[in-house]
Protein backbone atom coordinates (compact mmCIF):
# COMPACT_ATOMS: atom_id res chain seq x y z
CA MET A 1 -93.70 -60.63 12.10
CA ASN A 2 -94.77 -59.12 9.75
CA ALA A 3 -92.71 -56.57 6.89
CA GLU A 4 -94.85 -53.45 7.93
CA THR A 5 -93.65 -53.70 11.34
CA LEU A 6 -89.82 -54.33 10.30
CA GLY A 7 -87.31 -51.31 9.97
CA PRO A 8 -87.32 -50.42 5.77
CA LEU A 9 -83.67 -51.98 6.49
CA ARG A 10 -84.48 -55.36 7.90
CA ARG A 11 -87.29 -55.97 5.30
CA PRO A 12 -87.13 -58.23 2.67
CA ILE A 13 -86.40 -56.19 -0.37
CA SER A 14 -83.34 -54.28 1.09
CA ARG A 15 -82.09 -58.04 2.26
CA TRP A 16 -82.18 -59.11 -1.89
CA VAL A 17 -80.80 -55.87 -2.68
CA SER A 18 -77.73 -56.62 -0.43
CA LEU A 19 -77.40 -60.00 -2.26
CA LEU A 20 -77.91 -58.64 -5.69
CA LEU A 21 -74.68 -56.18 -5.51
CA ALA A 22 -72.62 -58.44 -3.28
CA MET A 23 -73.12 -61.95 -5.51
CA PRO A 24 -71.24 -60.09 -8.91
CA MET A 25 -68.76 -57.94 -7.04
CA SER A 26 -67.57 -61.63 -5.24
CA LEU A 27 -67.60 -63.28 -8.57
CA VAL A 28 -65.62 -60.19 -9.91
CA LEU A 29 -63.34 -60.25 -7.31
CA LEU A 30 -62.87 -63.81 -7.53
CA VAL A 31 -62.95 -65.23 -11.25
CA HIS A 32 -61.16 -61.72 -13.06
CA PRO A 33 -59.18 -60.07 -10.36
CA ALA A 34 -57.36 -58.17 -13.06
CA ALA A 35 -61.00 -56.49 -13.91
CA MET A 36 -59.93 -54.17 -10.84
CA LEU A 37 -56.76 -52.94 -11.32
CA ASP A 38 -55.92 -48.92 -12.03
CA GLU A 39 -54.74 -46.55 -14.83
CA GLN A 40 -51.05 -48.01 -13.76
CA GLY A 41 -52.07 -51.58 -14.08
CA GLY A 42 -51.69 -52.14 -10.43
CA TYR A 43 -53.85 -53.14 -7.39
CA SER A 44 -54.84 -50.26 -5.00
CA HIS A 45 -54.80 -52.79 -2.01
CA ASN A 46 -56.35 -50.28 0.19
CA LEU A 47 -59.86 -49.61 -1.83
CA LEU A 48 -59.99 -53.55 -2.89
CA MET A 49 -59.90 -53.98 1.25
CA LEU A 50 -63.00 -51.24 1.81
CA ILE A 51 -64.98 -53.05 -1.45
CA MET A 52 -64.18 -56.24 -0.16
CA TRP A 53 -65.78 -55.22 3.49
CA GLY A 54 -68.54 -54.18 1.29
CA VAL A 55 -69.46 -57.23 0.15
CA ALA A 56 -68.35 -59.10 3.36
CA ALA A 57 -71.02 -56.72 4.82
CA GLY A 58 -73.82 -57.09 2.02
CA TYR A 59 -73.74 -60.52 2.45
CA VAL A 60 -74.01 -60.21 6.41
CA HIS A 61 -76.89 -58.26 5.43
CA GLY A 62 -78.53 -60.11 3.06
CA VAL A 63 -78.72 -63.51 4.77
CA GLY A 64 -80.58 -61.92 7.31
CA PHE A 65 -77.75 -61.64 10.22
CA ASP A 66 -78.37 -59.06 12.36
CA PRO A 67 -75.79 -58.18 14.97
CA ARG A 68 -76.51 -57.51 18.30
CA PRO A 69 -73.27 -55.47 19.59
CA TRP A 70 -73.36 -51.82 18.39
CA ALA A 71 -69.73 -52.35 16.81
CA TRP A 72 -70.56 -55.01 14.61
CA ARG A 73 -74.00 -53.03 13.59
CA LEU A 74 -71.79 -50.52 12.81
CA LEU A 75 -69.21 -52.00 10.48
CA PHE A 76 -71.58 -53.87 8.90
CA HIS A 77 -74.53 -51.79 8.36
CA PRO A 78 -75.84 -52.32 4.87
CA LEU A 79 -75.55 -48.11 4.15
CA LEU A 80 -72.02 -48.52 4.39
CA ALA A 81 -71.85 -51.95 2.78
CA TRP A 82 -73.98 -50.42 -0.45
CA ALA A 83 -71.52 -47.51 -0.16
CA LEU A 84 -68.63 -49.47 -0.48
CA MET A 85 -69.81 -52.18 -3.54
CA GLY A 86 -71.30 -48.72 -5.26
CA LEU A 87 -66.96 -48.02 -5.00
CA GLY A 88 -66.35 -50.81 -6.43
CA TYR A 89 -68.80 -50.85 -9.10
CA ALA A 90 -67.99 -46.90 -10.14
CA MET A 91 -64.25 -48.76 -10.48
CA LEU A 92 -65.54 -51.05 -12.73
CA LEU A 93 -67.41 -48.84 -14.85
CA ARG A 94 -64.84 -46.40 -14.87
CA ARG A 95 -62.26 -49.29 -16.64
């Protein structure tokens, strides 16, 4: 199957986008978690949970896994992953 017959979110370029967004964010969360502190010096666990969900969904999409059940497709949809990882990058840039 060639790239023209695939949907836009199943093409290799969108999978690379997911991986390139997920890798640095996961490294920041693992190596320098203090970068995700809020203004009061604490962690927003709810916000971090959403960001980690986005990273997980980015890896799921990036490696080429396509879940079959519709619920898993929604939970790991690449647009949702990109939005949640964008939230994480916005948190980093705000500091």
